[in-house]
Amino acid sequence: MQNATYEQKDPLLIYKFESFQLFKTMVDKINKDVLSFLLKAHIPLRENQERPNLAAREENRRKPDMSRMNTSRSDLSTSAGEPKSQAPVHVEKKVGRNDPCPCGSGKKFKNCHGTV
């Protein structure tokens, strides 16, 4: 870095290259440390506990969920015959930024009520 001006090289580029090299070595060191920690760690296995849970899950999948099937025919016929009422949609014409303000001041909307 010190001789960059004598070599007629851009000091900013040299600084970028050196910092990137330092960054790469830091990432490599972190990866190496994490990998060595994970390889040395003893993680207990839970195979014995998971197998009974898998059998219970399989039984639950095979049984249909009856709570959703408790609707009667009368409920189905009344709900299908009546259309759902929807709230009316109010559509108002938007005032353009350069249109006169609706308050009646005579100014443009952007200078009167359209300022943010």
C-alpha atoms as a PDB file:
ATOM      1  CA  MET A   1       0.000   0.000   0.000  1.00  0.00           C
ATOM      2  CA  GLN A   2       2.841   2.402   0.773  1.00  0.00           C
ATOM      3  CA  ASN A   3       4.501   2.111  -2.645  1.00  0.00           C
ATOM      4  CA  ALA A   4       1.299   2.481  -4.638  1.00  0.00           C
ATOM      5  CA  THR A   5       1.951   6.107  -5.512  1.00  0.00           C
ATOM      6  CA  TYR A   6       5.455   5.339  -6.753  1.00  0.00           C
ATOM      7  CA  GLU A   7       4.183   2.475  -8.897  1.00  0.00           C
ATOM      8  CA  GLN A   8       1.474   4.717 -10.411  1.00  0.00           C
ATOM      9  CA  LYS A   9      -1.329   2.398  -9.338  1.00  0.00           C
ATOM     10  CA  ASP A  10      -4.641   3.502  -7.955  1.00  0.00           C
ATOM     11  CA  PRO A  11      -4.403   3.242  -4.157  1.00  0.00           C
ATOM     12  CA  LEU A  12      -8.128   2.607  -3.874  1.00  0.00           C
ATOM     13  CA  LEU A  13      -7.888  -0.507  -6.052  1.00  0.00           C
ATOM     14  CA  ILE A  14      -4.946  -1.822  -4.055  1.00  0.00           C
ATOM     15  CA  TYR A  15      -6.856  -1.184  -0.835  1.00  0.00           C
ATOM     16  CA  LYS A  16      -9.866  -3.071  -2.241  1.00  0.00           C
ATOM     17  CA  PHE A  17      -7.753  -6.056  -3.266  1.00  0.00           C
ATOM     18  CA  GLU A  18      -5.978  -6.251   0.091  1.00  0.00           C
ATOM     19  CA  SER A  19      -9.217  -5.941   2.038  1.00  0.00           C
ATOM     20  CA  PHE A  20     -10.871  -8.635  -0.078  1.00  0.00           C
ATOM     21  CA  GLN A  21      -7.944 -10.984   0.563  1.00  0.00           C
ATOM     22  CA  LEU A  22      -8.266 -10.354   4.307  1.00  0.00           C
ATOM     23  CA  PHE A  23     -12.013 -10.979   4.087  1.00  0.00           C
ATOM     24  CA  LYS A  24     -11.483 -14.296   2.271  1.00  0.00           C
ATOM     25  CA  THR A  25      -8.985 -15.473   4.885  1.00  0.00           C
ATOM     26  CA  MET A  26     -11.426 -14.490   7.662  1.00  0.00           C
ATOM     27  CA  VAL A  27     -14.280 -16.452   6.037  1.00  0.00           C
ATOM     28  CA  ASP A  28     -12.012 -19.479   5.535  1.00  0.00           C
ATOM     29  CA  LYS A  29     -10.942 -19.364   9.190  1.00  0.00           C
ATOM     30  CA  ILE A  30     -14.558 -19.119  10.376  1.00  0.00           C
ATOM     31  CA  ASN A  31     -15.574 -22.039   8.157  1.00  0.00           C
ATOM     32  CA  LYS A  32     -12.668 -24.117   9.437  1.00  0.00           C
ATOM     33  CA  ASP A  33     -13.496 -23.320  13.081  1.00  0.00           C
ATOM     34  CA  VAL A  34     -17.187 -24.133  12.646  1.00  0.00           C
ATOM     35  CA  LEU A  35     -16.448 -27.363  10.816  1.00  0.00           C
ATOM     36  CA  SER A  36     -13.985 -28.536  13.451  1.00  0.00           C
ATOM     37  CA  PHE A  37     -16.493 -27.687  16.206  1.00  0.00           C
ATOM     38  CA  LEU A  38     -19.277 -29.623  14.470  1.00  0.00           C
ATOM     39  CA  LEU A  39     -17.083 -32.645  13.861  1.00  0.00           C
ATOM     40  CA  LYS A  40     -15.969 -32.730  17.499  1.00  0.00           C
ATOM     41  CA  ALA A  41     -19.475 -32.253  18.909  1.00  0.00           C
ATOM     42  CA  HIS A  42     -21.393 -35.254  20.191  1.00  0.00           C
ATOM     43  CA  ILE A  43     -25.032 -35.055  19.135  1.00  0.00           C
ATOM     44  CA  PRO A  44     -27.310 -37.662  20.790  1.00  0.00           C
ATOM     45  CA  LEU A  45     -29.629 -39.563  18.483  1.00  0.00           C
ATOM     46  CA  ARG A  46     -33.366 -39.750  19.181  1.00  0.00           C
ATOM     47  CA  GLU A  47     -34.256 -42.736  17.019  1.00  0.00           C
ATOM     48  CA  ASN A  48     -35.909 -44.664  19.858  1.00  0.00           C
ATOM     49  CA  GLN A  49     -38.258 -41.807  20.711  1.00  0.00           C
ATOM     50  CA  GLU A  50     -39.268 -40.991  17.144  1.00  0.00           C
ATOM     51  CA  ARG A  51     -40.443 -44.445  16.089  1.00  0.00           C
ATOM     52  CA  PRO A  52     -43.537 -44.615  18.357  1.00  0.00           C
ATOM     53  CA  ASN A  53     -44.475 -41.106  17.244  1.00  0.00           C
ATOM     54  CA  LEU A  54     -44.300 -42.170  13.592  1.00  0.00           C
ATOM     55  CA  ALA A  55     -46.739 -45.019  14.225  1.00  0.00           C
ATOM     56  CA  ALA A  56     -49.188 -42.648  15.931  1.00  0.00           C
ATOM     57  CA  ARG A  57     -48.890 -40.197  13.050  1.00  0.00           C
ATOM     58  CA  GLU A  58     -49.667 -42.913  10.503  1.00  0.00           C
ATOM     59  CA  GLU A  59     -52.825 -43.886  12.411  1.00  0.00           C
ATOM     60  CA  ASN A  60     -53.962 -40.267  12.544  1.00  0.00           C
ATOM     61  CA  ARG A  61     -53.458 -39.892   8.807  1.00  0.00           C
ATOM     62  CA  ARG A  62     -55.617 -42.908   8.056  1.00  0.00           C
ATOM     63  CA  LYS A  63     -58.577 -41.708  10.164  1.00  0.00           C
ATOM     64  CA  PRO A  64     -60.724 -39.060   8.462  1.00  0.00           C
ATOM     65  CA  ASP A  65     -61.439 -35.864  10.382  1.00  0.00           C
ATOM     66  CA  MET A  66     -65.124 -36.112  11.287  1.00  0.00           C
ATOM     67  CA  SER A  67     -65.346 -32.667  12.921  1.00  0.00           C
ATOM     68  CA  ARG A  68     -65.537 -31.009   9.508  1.00  0.00           C
ATOM     69  CA  MET A  69     -68.316 -33.350   8.358  1.00  0.00           C
ATOM     70  CA  ASN A  70     -70.946 -32.434  10.969  1.00  0.00           C
ATOM     71  CA  THR A  71     -73.018 -30.120   8.756  1.00  0.00           C
ATOM     72  CA  SER A  72     -76.601 -31.154   8.091  1.00  0.00           C
ATOM     73  CA  ARG A  73     -78.503 -31.017   4.810  1.00  0.00           C
ATOM     74  CA  SER A  74     -80.699 -28.183   6.040  1.00  0.00           C
ATOM     75  CA  ASP A  75     -77.628 -26.037   6.679  1.00  0.00           C
ATOM     76  CA  LEU A  76     -76.372 -26.718   3.177  1.00  0.00           C
ATOM     77  CA  SER A  77     -79.666 -25.892   1.460  1.00  0.00           C
ATOM     78  CA  THR A  78     -80.192 -22.573   3.284  1.00  0.00           C
ATOM     79  CA  SER A  79     -76.692 -21.341   2.680  1.00  0.00           C
ATOM     80  CA  ALA A  80     -76.774 -22.239  -1.017  1.00  0.00           C
ATOM     81  CA  GLY A  81     -80.174 -20.582  -1.653  1.00  0.00           C
ATOM     82  CA  GLU A  82     -79.285 -17.157  -0.246  1.00  0.00           C
ATOM     83  CA  PRO A  83     -76.637 -15.142  -2.049  1.00  0.00           C
ATOM     84  CA  LYS A  84     -74.169 -13.341   0.171  1.00  0.00           C
ATOM     85  CA  SER A  85     -74.760  -9.623   0.417  1.00  0.00           C
ATOM     86  CA  GLN A  86     -71.808  -7.487  -0.527  1.00  0.00           C
ATOM     87  CA  ALA A  87     -71.113  -3.988   0.675  1.00  0.00           C
ATOM     88  CA  PRO A  88     -71.454  -1.382  -2.076  1.00  0.00           C
ATOM     89  CA  VAL A  89     -68.237  -0.046  -3.476  1.00  0.00           C
ATOM     90  CA  HIS A  90     -67.951   3.746  -3.436  1.00  0.00           C
ATOM     91  CA  VAL A  91     -65.945   4.967  -6.371  1.00  0.00           C
ATOM     92  CA  GLU A  92     -65.057   8.647  -6.307  1.00  0.00           C
ATOM     93  CA  LYS A  93     -63.170  10.387  -9.031  1.00  0.00           C
ATOM     94  CA  LYS A  94     -59.623  11.132  -7.902  1.00  0.00           C
ATOM     95  CA  VAL A  95     -58.466  14.695  -8.124  1.00  0.00           C
ATOM     96  CA  GLY A  96     -55.381  15.137 -10.273  1.00  0.00           C
ATOM     97  CA  ARG A  97     -52.380  16.999  -8.911  1.00  0.00           C
ATOM     98  CA  ASN A  98     -52.710  19.869 -11.381  1.00  0.00           C
ATOM     99  CA  ASP A  99     -56.530  20.091 -11.237  1.00  0.00           C
ATOM    100  CA  PRO A 100     -58.185  22.859  -9.214  1.00  0.00           C
ATOM    101  CA  CYS A 101     -58.707  21.966  -5.559  1.00  0.00           C
ATOM    102  CA  PRO A 102     -62.277  20.819  -4.736  1.00  0.00           C
ATOM    103  CA  CYS A 103     -62.348  23.090  -1.655  1.00  0.00           C
ATOM    104  CA  GLY A 104     -62.896  26.101  -3.926  1.00  0.00           C
ATOM    105  CA  SER A 105     -59.735  28.040  -3.121  1.00  0.00           C
ATOM    106  CA  GLY A 106     -58.760  28.310  -6.773  1.00  0.00           C
ATOM    107  CA  LYS A 107     -55.306  26.855  -6.139  1.00  0.00           C
ATOM    108  CA  LYS A 108     -53.968  23.693  -7.706  1.00  0.00           C
ATOM    109  CA  PHE A 109     -54.633  20.569  -5.651  1.00  0.00           C
ATOM    110  CA  LYS A 110     -50.908  19.909  -5.176  1.00  0.00           C
ATOM    111  CA  ASN A 111     -50.433  23.348  -3.593  1.00  0.00           C
ATOM    112  CA  CYS A 112     -53.570  23.297  -1.426  1.00  0.00           C
ATOM    113  CA  HIS A 113     -54.743  19.976   0.045  1.00  0.00           C
ATOM    114  CA  GLY A 114     -52.416  17.686  -1.906  1.00  0.00           C
ATOM    115  CA  THR A 115     -49.251  18.631  -0.047  1.00  0.00           C
ATOM    116  CA  VAL A 116     -47.697  15.779   1.827  1.00  0.00           C
END
